[in-house]
Amino acid sequence: MTHPTLEDVAARAGVSRALVSLVMRGSPKVGKERREAVLRAARELGYRPNMMARGLAAGRTGMIGVLLSDLHDPWYSAVYDGLADEAARRGVRLLLATGRGGPARERAALDDLLDLRPDGVVLAGPKLPAADIEHAAAGCAVTVVGRSVRSDRVDCVTGDGAAAVERALGHLADLGHHRVACLDLGPRPSPLRRACPAGAVVAHPDELWRPPEPPTAVLALGDTTGTAAFTALLRAGRRVPDDISLIVHGDPPGARAAGVTTIASPPAELGREAAALLLDRIGDGAPGTTRRVTVPPLLNERDTTR
């Protein structure tokens, strides 16, 4: 199938190709009558301007690339929602790719994005080595979400995990809980462990009810741990929150519907901040000083804390 060209529109409207080009660029130099004739011809032919070619000719494409590490994780989709909101507000289009959770696939997906010559790229939760991210930043603006990268050319937007742990523990203390366990069931130790009190971290649900003084509250470090903790407590016959309170760092699927108290930096806000940083840098047109934005946590107090 062939797509109609500027020449086709010009022939249908009975004007020059140059005039059609002026109309498509929104130039005020074209009179109302001829502008309407060109736009009518374009509609009749189904002509759509090649935005990428136009952008390349102007040195900008009006598009930014977005690489999500894992489309199946709700955190990434929420980050994308925030990115899309800010991009739409600024009149910018998004090119979406996914690395499907692995560095090699992410590298290939990033190369595909860069081949399309976007004005910049947002990397959400990348598993890529820092050297690959630095290499991408040599060719266009790059902002990373959910991970801090040491680079003079890469902006970063992260949540404040330490503040989230501190606020969660403070909330539990205000409710009268002084024996709190920080549960971490991840395949690798969570960085949030460093913010937990000494001796409070446990790595298996069975440790939650060991004598002589089992905890009265649990802070689950991560979405997956939170889901596992809730299930383990119910299976052990512990009533939540009558016997034990539960806060999850993150926002696992179904947390709102199940009434689970959560705390996390809102991923949609991370996405909005990332898009804003990237587009500001593209608009500045100069490298400037790299920026680090930390989004504060939000406590969603629901039914699992008392």
C-alpha atoms as a PDB file:
ATOM      1  CA  MET A   1       0.000   0.000   0.000  1.00  0.00           C
ATOM      2  CA  THR A   2       1.405   3.383  -1.002  1.00  0.00           C
ATOM      3  CA  HIS A   3       0.908   6.419   1.199  1.00  0.00           C
ATOM      4  CA  PRO A   4      -0.096   9.748  -0.320  1.00  0.00           C
ATOM      5  CA  THR A   5       2.715  12.290  -0.537  1.00  0.00           C
ATOM      6  CA  LEU A   6       3.004  16.061  -0.471  1.00  0.00           C
ATOM      7  CA  GLU A   7       3.087  15.947  -4.276  1.00  0.00           C
ATOM      8  CA  ASP A   8      -0.236  14.069  -4.331  1.00  0.00           C
ATOM      9  CA  VAL A   9      -1.846  16.655  -2.064  1.00  0.00           C
ATOM     10  CA  ALA A  10      -0.441  19.493  -4.181  1.00  0.00           C
ATOM     11  CA  ALA A  11      -1.823  17.946  -7.366  1.00  0.00           C
ATOM     12  CA  ARG A  12      -5.270  17.404  -5.828  1.00  0.00           C
ATOM     13  CA  ALA A  13      -5.398  20.988  -4.457  1.00  0.00           C
ATOM     14  CA  GLY A  14      -3.907  22.522  -7.601  1.00  0.00           C
ATOM     15  CA  VAL A  15      -1.072  24.245  -5.733  1.00  0.00           C
ATOM     16  CA  SER A  16       2.684  23.837  -5.431  1.00  0.00           C
ATOM     17  CA  ARG A  17       4.425  21.327  -3.196  1.00  0.00           C
ATOM     18  CA  ALA A  18       6.103  24.233  -1.378  1.00  0.00           C
ATOM     19  CA  LEU A  19       2.734  25.717  -0.481  1.00  0.00           C
ATOM     20  CA  VAL A  20       1.492  22.366   0.848  1.00  0.00           C
ATOM     21  CA  SER A  21       4.624  22.172   2.992  1.00  0.00           C
ATOM     22  CA  LEU A  22       3.897  25.635   4.416  1.00  0.00           C
ATOM     23  CA  VAL A  23       0.354  24.616   5.294  1.00  0.00           C
ATOM     24  CA  MET A  24       1.519  21.430   7.031  1.00  0.00           C
ATOM     25  CA  ARG A  25       3.980  23.465   9.098  1.00  0.00           C
ATOM     26  CA  GLY A  26       1.220  25.835  10.145  1.00  0.00           C
ATOM     27  CA  SER A  27       2.772  28.842   8.454  1.00  0.00           C
ATOM     28  CA  PRO A  28       0.722  32.082   8.692  1.00  0.00           C
ATOM     29  CA  LYS A  29       1.931  33.083   5.196  1.00  0.00           C
ATOM     30  CA  VAL A  30      -0.811  31.043   3.451  1.00  0.00           C
ATOM     31  CA  GLY A  31      -4.205  32.599   2.815  1.00  0.00           C
ATOM     32  CA  LYS A  32      -7.385  31.096   4.257  1.00  0.00           C
ATOM     33  CA  GLU A  33      -8.822  29.906   0.928  1.00  0.00           C
ATOM     34  CA  ARG A  34      -5.723  28.057  -0.237  1.00  0.00           C
ATOM     35  CA  ARG A  35      -5.098  26.656   3.261  1.00  0.00           C
ATOM     36  CA  GLU A  36      -8.589  25.148   3.307  1.00  0.00           C
ATOM     37  CA  ALA A  37      -8.093  23.736  -0.195  1.00  0.00           C
ATOM     38  CA  VAL A  38      -4.872  21.999   0.864  1.00  0.00           C
ATOM     39  CA  LEU A  39      -6.364  20.617   4.081  1.00  0.00           C
ATOM     40  CA  ARG A  40      -9.425  19.378   2.183  1.00  0.00           C
ATOM     41  CA  ALA A  41      -7.219  17.617  -0.374  1.00  0.00           C
ATOM     42  CA  ALA A  42      -5.167  16.058   2.459  1.00  0.00           C
ATOM     43  CA  ARG A  43      -8.326  14.720   4.116  1.00  0.00           C
ATOM     44  CA  GLU A  44      -9.673  13.296   0.873  1.00  0.00           C
ATOM     45  CA  LEU A  45      -6.390  11.503   0.173  1.00  0.00           C
ATOM     46  CA  GLY A  46      -5.881  10.344   3.746  1.00  0.00           C
ATOM     47  CA  TYR A  47      -2.527  12.128   3.895  1.00  0.00           C
ATOM     48  CA  ARG A  48      -0.641  12.019   7.197  1.00  0.00           C
ATOM     49  CA  PRO A  49       2.563  14.037   7.590  1.00  0.00           C
ATOM     50  CA  ASN A  50       5.743  12.087   8.342  1.00  0.00           C
ATOM     51  CA  MET A  51       6.442  13.535  11.779  1.00  0.00           C
ATOM     52  CA  MET A  52       9.719  11.670  12.181  1.00  0.00           C
ATOM     53  CA  ALA A  53      11.140  12.899   8.881  1.00  0.00           C
ATOM     54  CA  ARG A  54      10.001  16.423   9.644  1.00  0.00           C
ATOM     55  CA  GLY A  55      11.575  16.263  13.090  1.00  0.00           C
ATOM     56  CA  LEU A  56      14.873  14.930  11.801  1.00  0.00           C
ATOM     57  CA  ALA A  57      15.052  17.731   9.275  1.00  0.00           C
ATOM     58  CA  ALA A  58      14.473  20.231  12.092  1.00  0.00           C
ATOM     59  CA  GLY A  59      16.912  18.525  14.471  1.00  0.00           C
ATOM     60  CA  ARG A  60      14.096  17.292  16.747  1.00  0.00           C
ATOM     61  CA  THR A  61      11.594  14.454  16.447  1.00  0.00           C
ATOM     62  CA  GLY A  62       9.126  15.537  19.134  1.00  0.00           C
ATOM     63  CA  MET A  63       9.337  12.010  20.523  1.00  0.00           C
ATOM     64  CA  ILE A  64      10.980  10.448  23.556  1.00  0.00           C
ATOM     65  CA  GLY A  65      11.752   6.783  24.024  1.00  0.00           C
ATOM     66  CA  VAL A  66      10.585   4.857  27.091  1.00  0.00           C
ATOM     67  CA  LEU A  67      12.196   1.568  28.069  1.00  0.00           C
ATOM     68  CA  LEU A  68      10.277  -0.399  30.707  1.00  0.00           C
ATOM     69  CA  SER A  69      12.185  -3.305  32.187  1.00  0.00           C
ATOM     70  CA  ASP A  70       9.080  -5.455  32.767  1.00  0.00           C
ATOM     71  CA  LEU A  71       5.606  -4.777  31.324  1.00  0.00           C
ATOM     72  CA  HIS A  72       4.050  -7.407  33.616  1.00  0.00           C
ATOM     73  CA  ASP A  73       4.953  -5.559  36.813  1.00  0.00           C
ATOM     74  CA  PRO A  74       2.249  -3.029  37.808  1.00  0.00           C
ATOM     75  CA  TRP A  75       4.925  -0.607  39.059  1.00  0.00           C
ATOM     76  CA  TYR A  76       6.169  -0.083  35.514  1.00  0.00           C
ATOM     77  CA  SER A  77       2.708   0.512  34.101  1.00  0.00           C
ATOM     78  CA  ALA A  78       2.075   3.125  36.799  1.00  0.00           C
ATOM     79  CA  VAL A  79       5.392   4.823  35.987  1.00  0.00           C
ATOM     80  CA  TYR A  80       4.367   4.826  32.318  1.00  0.00           C
ATOM     81  CA  ASP A  81       1.029   6.456  33.176  1.00  0.00           C
ATOM     82  CA  GLY A  82       2.875   9.337  34.830  1.00  0.00           C
ATOM     83  CA  LEU A  83       5.255   9.653  31.890  1.00  0.00           C
ATOM     84  CA  ALA A  84       2.387   9.653  29.416  1.00  0.00           C
ATOM     85  CA  ASP A  85       0.493  12.328  31.356  1.00  0.00           C
ATOM     86  CA  GLU A  86       3.451  14.719  31.377  1.00  0.00           C
ATOM     87  CA  ALA A  87       4.335  13.978  27.745  1.00  0.00           C
ATOM     88  CA  ALA A  88       0.756  14.677  26.645  1.00  0.00           C
ATOM     89  CA  ARG A  89       0.726  17.909  28.618  1.00  0.00           C
ATOM     90  CA  ARG A  90       3.825  19.026  26.748  1.00  0.00           C
ATOM     91  CA  GLY A  91       2.717  17.778  23.338  1.00  0.00           C
ATOM     92  CA  VAL A  92       5.361  15.053  23.064  1.00  0.00           C
ATOM     93  CA  ARG A  93       4.892  11.522  21.718  1.00  0.00           C
ATOM     94  CA  LEU A  94       6.242   8.365  23.350  1.00  0.00           C
ATOM     95  CA  LEU A  95       8.035   5.407  21.774  1.00  0.00           C
ATOM     96  CA  LEU A  96       7.617   2.386  24.044  1.00  0.00           C
ATOM     97  CA  ALA A  97       9.905  -0.636  24.354  1.00  0.00           C
ATOM     98  CA  THR A  98      10.422  -3.336  26.975  1.00  0.00           C
ATOM     99  CA  GLY A  99      13.487  -5.296  27.956  1.00  0.00           C
ATOM    100  CA  ARG A 100      11.375  -8.108  29.428  1.00  0.00           C
ATOM    101  CA  GLY A 101      13.413  -8.136  32.603  1.00  0.00           C
ATOM    102  CA  GLY A 102      16.899  -9.017  31.311  1.00  0.00           C
ATOM    103  CA  PRO A 103      20.023  -6.932  30.564  1.00  0.00           C
ATOM    104  CA  ALA A 104      20.664  -8.462  27.125  1.00  0.00           C
ATOM    105  CA  ARG A 105      17.098  -7.890  25.944  1.00  0.00           C
ATOM    106  CA  GLU A 106      17.107  -4.411  27.441  1.00  0.00           C
ATOM    107  CA  ARG A 107      20.281  -3.563  25.539  1.00  0.00           C
ATOM    108  CA  ALA A 108      18.719  -4.705  22.256  1.00  0.00           C
ATOM    109  CA  ALA A 109      15.498  -2.788  22.983  1.00  0.00           C
ATOM    110  CA  LEU A 110      17.469   0.345  23.842  1.00  0.00           C
ATOM    111  CA  ASP A 111      19.438   0.065  20.594  1.00  0.00           C
ATOM    112  CA  ASP A 112      16.150  -0.183  18.685  1.00  0.00           C
ATOM    113  CA  LEU A 113      14.869   2.954  20.403  1.00  0.00           C
ATOM    114  CA  LEU A 114      18.051   4.896  19.705  1.00  0.00           C
ATOM    115  CA  ASP A 115      17.891   3.882  16.024  1.00  0.00           C
ATOM    116  CA  LEU A 116      14.617   5.842  15.827  1.00  0.00           C
ATOM    117  CA  ARG A 117      16.483   8.992  16.876  1.00  0.00           C
ATOM    118  CA  PRO A 118      14.276  10.138  19.796  1.00  0.00           C
ATOM    119  CA  ASP A 119      15.061  13.455  21.447  1.00  0.00           C
ATOM    120  CA  GLY A 120      15.696  11.598  24.694  1.00  0.00           C
ATOM    121  CA  VAL A 121      15.098   8.323  26.539  1.00  0.00           C
ATOM    122  CA  VAL A 122      13.599   7.399  29.912  1.00  0.00           C
ATOM    123  CA  LEU A 123      14.815   4.115  31.390  1.00  0.00           C
ATOM    124  CA  ALA A 124      12.419   2.746  34.025  1.00  0.00           C
ATOM    125  CA  GLY A 125      14.015   0.354  36.502  1.00  0.00           C
ATOM    126  CA  PRO A 126      16.752  -0.696  34.071  1.00  0.00           C
ATOM    127  CA  LYS A 127      18.813  -3.842  34.671  1.00  0.00           C
ATOM    128  CA  LEU A 128      21.439  -2.551  32.220  1.00  0.00           C
ATOM    129  CA  PRO A 129      25.044  -2.079  33.321  1.00  0.00           C
ATOM    130  CA  ALA A 130      25.887   1.535  34.088  1.00  0.00           C
ATOM    131  CA  ALA A 131      28.306   1.571  31.130  1.00  0.00           C
ATOM    132  CA  ASP A 132      25.440   0.916  28.681  1.00  0.00           C
ATOM    133  CA  ILE A 133      23.394   3.731  30.201  1.00  0.00           C
ATOM    134  CA  GLU A 134      26.386   6.074  30.001  1.00  0.00           C
ATOM    135  CA  HIS A 135      26.920   5.112  26.365  1.00  0.00           C
ATOM    136  CA  ALA A 136      23.286   5.943  25.519  1.00  0.00           C
ATOM    137  CA  ALA A 137      23.635   9.312  27.281  1.00  0.00           C
ATOM    138  CA  ALA A 138      26.511  10.196  24.963  1.00  0.00           C
ATOM    139  CA  GLY A 139      24.043  10.425  22.069  1.00  0.00           C
ATOM    140  CA  CYS A 140      20.873  11.866  23.623  1.00  0.00           C
ATOM    141  CA  ALA A 141      19.338  13.002  26.906  1.00  0.00           C
ATOM    142  CA  VAL A 142      18.721  10.122  29.347  1.00  0.00           C
ATOM    143  CA  THR A 143      16.736   9.981  32.588  1.00  0.00           C
ATOM    144  CA  VAL A 144      16.622   6.883  34.803  1.00  0.00           C
ATOM    145  CA  VAL A 145      13.658   6.079  37.064  1.00  0.00           C
ATOM    146  CA  GLY A 146      13.854   3.879  40.154  1.00  0.00           C
ATOM    147  CA  ARG A 147      17.625   3.559  40.186  1.00  0.00           C
ATOM    148  CA  SER A 148      20.476   5.897  40.987  1.00  0.00           C
ATOM    149  CA  VAL A 149      23.230   5.969  38.369  1.00  0.00           C
ATOM    150  CA  ARG A 150      26.548   7.701  38.989  1.00  0.00           C
ATOM    151  CA  SER A 151      27.062   9.741  35.863  1.00  0.00           C
ATOM    152  CA  ASP A 152      27.733  13.322  34.843  1.00  0.00           C
ATOM    153  CA  ARG A 153      25.226  12.968  31.989  1.00  0.00           C
ATOM    154  CA  VAL A 154      22.286  11.013  33.425  1.00  0.00           C
ATOM    155  CA  ASP A 155      19.428  12.478  35.469  1.00  0.00           C
ATOM    156  CA  CYS A 156      17.789  10.174  38.027  1.00  0.00           C
ATOM    157  CA  VAL A 157      14.418  10.000  39.772  1.00  0.00           C
ATOM    158  CA  THR A 158      14.111   7.673  42.757  1.00  0.00           C
ATOM    159  CA  GLY A 159      11.832   6.992  45.673  1.00  0.00           C
ATOM    160  CA  ASP A 160      12.967   7.633  49.224  1.00  0.00           C
ATOM    161  CA  GLY A 161      13.118   4.146  50.716  1.00  0.00           C
ATOM    162  CA  ALA A 162      14.772   5.216  53.952  1.00  0.00           C
ATOM    163  CA  ALA A 163      12.110   7.852  54.560  1.00  0.00           C
ATOM    164  CA  ALA A 164       9.412   5.266  53.790  1.00  0.00           C
ATOM    165  CA  VAL A 165      10.779   2.842  56.396  1.00  0.00           C
ATOM    166  CA  GLU A 166      11.119   5.639  58.954  1.00  0.00           C
ATOM    167  CA  ARG A 167       7.576   6.840  58.385  1.00  0.00           C
ATOM    168  CA  ALA A 168       6.148   3.309  58.475  1.00  0.00           C
ATOM    169  CA  LEU A 169       7.881   2.557  61.769  1.00  0.00           C
ATOM    170  CA  GLY A 170       6.725   5.908  63.135  1.00  0.00           C
ATOM    171  CA  HIS A 171       3.149   5.139  62.138  1.00  0.00           C
ATOM    172  CA  LEU A 172       3.321   1.774  63.889  1.00  0.00           C
ATOM    173  CA  ALA A 173       4.860   3.371  66.987  1.00  0.00           C
ATOM    174  CA  ASP A 174       2.025   5.892  67.087  1.00  0.00           C
ATOM    175  CA  LEU A 175      -0.367   2.924  67.128  1.00  0.00           C
ATOM    176  CA  GLY A 176       1.491   1.464  70.128  1.00  0.00           C
ATOM    177  CA  HIS A 177       3.697  -1.096  68.339  1.00  0.00           C
ATOM    178  CA  HIS A 178       7.222  -1.372  69.727  1.00  0.00           C
ATOM    179  CA  ARG A 179       8.098  -4.877  68.532  1.00  0.00           C
ATOM    180  CA  VAL A 180       8.193  -4.583  64.738  1.00  0.00           C
ATOM    181  CA  ALA A 181       9.740  -7.082  62.313  1.00  0.00           C
ATOM    182  CA  CYS A 182      11.022  -6.032  58.886  1.00  0.00           C
ATOM    183  CA  LEU A 183      10.336  -9.019  56.618  1.00  0.00           C
ATOM    184  CA  ASP A 184      12.487  -9.462  53.509  1.00  0.00           C
ATOM    185  CA  LEU A 185      11.796 -12.468  51.273  1.00  0.00           C
ATOM    186  CA  GLY A 186      13.431 -11.201  48.085  1.00  0.00           C
ATOM    187  CA  PRO A 187      16.002 -13.249  46.137  1.00  0.00           C
ATOM    188  CA  ARG A 188      18.539 -10.556  47.060  1.00  0.00           C
ATOM    189  CA  PRO A 189      18.637  -8.548  50.312  1.00  0.00           C
ATOM    190  CA  SER A 190      16.604  -5.371  49.977  1.00  0.00           C
ATOM    191  CA  PRO A 191      18.516  -2.065  50.308  1.00  0.00           C
ATOM    192  CA  LEU A 192      15.729  -1.061  52.699  1.00  0.00           C
ATOM    193  CA  ARG A 193      17.242  -3.353  55.320  1.00  0.00           C
ATOM    194  CA  ARG A 194      19.762  -0.644  56.141  1.00  0.00           C
ATOM    195  CA  ALA A 195      16.961   1.638  57.301  1.00  0.00           C
ATOM    196  CA  CYS A 196      15.447  -0.978  59.652  1.00  0.00           C
ATOM    197  CA  PRO A 197      16.377  -1.190  63.350  1.00  0.00           C
ATOM    198  CA  ALA A 198      19.209  -3.558  64.243  1.00  0.00           C
ATOM    199  CA  GLY A 199      17.922  -7.094  64.759  1.00  0.00           C
ATOM    200  CA  ALA A 200      14.497  -6.303  63.275  1.00  0.00           C
ATOM    201  CA  VAL A 201      15.052  -7.934  59.859  1.00  0.00           C
ATOM    202  CA  VAL A 202      13.782 -11.484  59.361  1.00  0.00           C
ATOM    203  CA  ALA A 203      13.991 -13.553  56.196  1.00  0.00           C
ATOM    204  CA  HIS A 204      11.208 -16.111  56.709  1.00  0.00           C
ATOM    205  CA  PRO A 205       7.590 -15.778  57.918  1.00  0.00           C
ATOM    206  CA  ASP A 206       8.133 -18.518  60.530  1.00  0.00           C
ATOM    207  CA  GLU A 207      10.485 -16.163  62.368  1.00  0.00           C
ATOM    208  CA  LEU A 208       7.607 -13.766  62.982  1.00  0.00           C
ATOM    209  CA  TRP A 209       6.066 -15.833  65.773  1.00  0.00           C
ATOM    210  CA  ARG A 210       9.093 -17.206  67.574  1.00  0.00           C
ATOM    211  CA  PRO A 211       8.993 -16.863  71.393  1.00  0.00           C
ATOM    212  CA  PRO A 212       9.512 -15.258  73.770  1.00  0.00           C
ATOM    213  CA  GLU A 213       8.257 -11.958  72.328  1.00  0.00           C
ATOM    214  CA  PRO A 214       6.942 -12.199  68.772  1.00  0.00           C
ATOM    215  CA  PRO A 215       6.408  -8.934  66.937  1.00  0.00           C
ATOM    216  CA  THR A 216       3.058  -7.190  67.071  1.00  0.00           C
ATOM    217  CA  ALA A 217       3.574  -5.622  63.630  1.00  0.00           C
ATOM    218  CA  VAL A 218       5.329  -6.405  60.345  1.00  0.00           C
ATOM    219  CA  LEU A 219       6.827  -4.105  57.741  1.00  0.00           C
ATOM    220  CA  ALA A 220       7.143  -6.089  54.495  1.00  0.00           C
ATOM    221  CA  LEU A 221      10.023  -4.844  52.344  1.00  0.00           C
ATOM    222  CA  GLY A 222       8.604  -4.993  48.827  1.00  0.00           C
ATOM    223  CA  ASP A 223       5.497  -5.959  46.865  1.00  0.00           C
ATOM    224  CA  THR A 224       6.293  -9.655  46.560  1.00  0.00           C
ATOM    225  CA  THR A 225       7.235  -9.908  50.235  1.00  0.00           C
ATOM    226  CA  GLY A 226       4.042  -8.088  51.186  1.00  0.00           C
ATOM    227  CA  THR A 227       1.842 -10.549  49.307  1.00  0.00           C
ATOM    228  CA  ALA A 228       3.732 -13.499  50.796  1.00  0.00           C
ATOM    229  CA  ALA A 229       3.571 -12.035  54.303  1.00  0.00           C
ATOM    230  CA  PHE A 230      -0.190 -11.496  54.138  1.00  0.00           C
ATOM    231  CA  THR A 231      -0.711 -15.071  52.920  1.00  0.00           C
ATOM    232  CA  ALA A 232       1.668 -16.549  55.524  1.00  0.00           C
ATOM    233  CA  LEU A 233      -0.012 -14.709  58.388  1.00  0.00           C
ATOM    234  CA  LEU A 234      -3.447 -15.915  57.357  1.00  0.00           C
ATOM    235  CA  ARG A 235      -2.237 -19.501  56.935  1.00  0.00           C
ATOM    236  CA  ALA A 236      -0.685 -19.387  60.401  1.00  0.00           C
ATOM    237  CA  GLY A 237      -4.015 -18.336  61.858  1.00  0.00           C
ATOM    238  CA  ARG A 238      -2.858 -14.812  62.692  1.00  0.00           C
ATOM    239  CA  ARG A 239      -5.656 -12.329  62.320  1.00  0.00           C
ATOM    240  CA  VAL A 240      -4.667  -9.085  60.596  1.00  0.00           C
ATOM    241  CA  PRO A 241      -4.784  -6.600  62.252  1.00  0.00           C
ATOM    242  CA  ASP A 242      -6.292  -8.070  65.455  1.00  0.00           C
ATOM    243  CA  ASP A 243      -3.249 -10.239  66.234  1.00  0.00           C
ATOM    244  CA  ILE A 244      -0.614  -8.499  64.141  1.00  0.00           C
ATOM    245  CA  SER A 245      -0.491  -5.344  62.004  1.00  0.00           C
ATOM    246  CA  LEU A 246       0.978  -5.246  58.509  1.00  0.00           C
ATOM    247  CA  ILE A 247       2.433  -2.467  56.348  1.00  0.00           C
ATOM    248  CA  VAL A 248       3.829  -3.165  52.874  1.00  0.00           C
ATOM    249  CA  HIS A 249       6.515  -1.029  51.293  1.00  0.00           C
ATOM    250  CA  GLY A 250       5.267  -0.796  47.721  1.00  0.00           C
ATOM    251  CA  ASP A 251       1.767  -1.173  46.326  1.00  0.00           C
ATOM    252  CA  PRO A 252       1.190  -4.811  45.321  1.00  0.00           C
ATOM    253  CA  PRO A 253      -1.700  -5.681  42.991  1.00  0.00           C
ATOM    254  CA  GLY A 254      -4.958  -5.834  44.905  1.00  0.00           C
ATOM    255  CA  ALA A 255      -3.584  -3.971  47.953  1.00  0.00           C
ATOM    256  CA  ARG A 256      -6.286  -1.314  47.767  1.00  0.00           C
ATOM    257  CA  ALA A 257      -9.091  -3.854  47.289  1.00  0.00           C
ATOM    258  CA  ALA A 258      -7.757  -6.025  50.130  1.00  0.00           C
ATOM    259  CA  GLY A 259      -7.426  -3.026  52.447  1.00  0.00           C
ATOM    260  CA  VAL A 260      -3.666  -3.450  52.936  1.00  0.00           C
ATOM    261  CA  THR A 261      -1.812  -0.488  54.421  1.00  0.00           C
ATOM    262  CA  THR A 262       1.048   0.486  52.104  1.00  0.00           C
ATOM    263  CA  ILE A 263       3.788   3.067  51.892  1.00  0.00           C
ATOM    264  CA  ALA A 264       5.811   4.001  48.822  1.00  0.00           C
ATOM    265  CA  SER A 265       6.800   6.829  46.555  1.00  0.00           C
ATOM    266  CA  PRO A 266       3.909   6.913  44.024  1.00  0.00           C
ATOM    267  CA  PRO A 267       5.237   5.396  40.763  1.00  0.00           C
ATOM    268  CA  ALA A 268       3.068   7.681  38.619  1.00  0.00           C
ATOM    269  CA  GLU A 269       4.734  10.658  40.297  1.00  0.00           C
ATOM    270  CA  LEU A 270       8.142   9.130  39.561  1.00  0.00           C
ATOM    271  CA  GLY A 271       7.111   8.923  35.904  1.00  0.00           C
ATOM    272  CA  ARG A 272       5.901  12.519  35.790  1.00  0.00           C
ATOM    273  CA  GLU A 273       9.116  13.785  37.366  1.00  0.00           C
ATOM    274  CA  ALA A 274      11.227  11.738  34.944  1.00  0.00           C
ATOM    275  CA  ALA A 275       9.406  13.098  31.902  1.00  0.00           C
ATOM    276  CA  ALA A 276       9.695  16.644  33.240  1.00  0.00           C
ATOM    277  CA  LEU A 277      13.437  16.284  33.861  1.00  0.00           C
ATOM    278  CA  LEU A 278      14.052  14.827  30.425  1.00  0.00           C
ATOM    279  CA  LEU A 279      11.975  17.374  28.550  1.00  0.00           C
ATOM    280  CA  ASP A 280      13.529  20.251  30.481  1.00  0.00           C
ATOM    281  CA  ARG A 281      16.978  19.001  29.545  1.00  0.00           C
ATOM    282  CA  ILE A 282      15.981  18.591  25.891  1.00  0.00           C
ATOM    283  CA  GLY A 283      14.521  22.083  25.896  1.00  0.00           C
ATOM    284  CA  ASP A 284      17.638  23.593  27.474  1.00  0.00           C
ATOM    285  CA  GLY A 285      19.729  22.188  24.624  1.00  0.00           C
ATOM    286  CA  ALA A 286      22.810  22.058  26.847  1.00  0.00           C
ATOM    287  CA  PRO A 287      24.278  19.342  29.086  1.00  0.00           C
ATOM    288  CA  GLY A 288      24.157  21.363  32.321  1.00  0.00           C
ATOM    289  CA  THR A 289      24.422  19.814  35.772  1.00  0.00           C
ATOM    290  CA  THR A 290      22.867  16.409  36.294  1.00  0.00           C
ATOM    291  CA  ARG A 291      19.870  16.375  38.565  1.00  0.00           C
ATOM    292  CA  ARG A 292      18.723  13.928  41.217  1.00  0.00           C
ATOM    293  CA  VAL A 293      15.060  14.042  42.238  1.00  0.00           C
ATOM    294  CA  THR A 294      13.783  12.071  45.230  1.00  0.00           C
ATOM    295  CA  VAL A 295      10.017  11.594  45.437  1.00  0.00           C
ATOM    296  CA  PRO A 296       8.776  11.373  49.061  1.00  0.00           C
ATOM    297  CA  PRO A 297       6.740   8.354  50.210  1.00  0.00           C
ATOM    298  CA  LEU A 298       2.975   8.325  50.591  1.00  0.00           C
ATOM    299  CA  LEU A 299       1.335   6.346  53.408  1.00  0.00           C
ATOM    300  CA  ASN A 300      -1.937   4.693  52.426  1.00  0.00           C
ATOM    301  CA  GLU A 301      -3.488   3.815  55.778  1.00  0.00           C
ATOM    302  CA  ARG A 302      -6.053   1.063  55.301  1.00  0.00           C
ATOM    303  CA  ASP A 303      -7.332  -1.924  57.287  1.00  0.00           C
ATOM    304  CA  THR A 304      -4.220  -3.963  58.155  1.00  0.00           C
ATOM    305  CA  THR A 305      -2.834  -1.647  60.831  1.00  0.00           C
ATOM    306  CA  ARG A 306      -4.382  -1.014  64.218  1.00  0.00           C
END
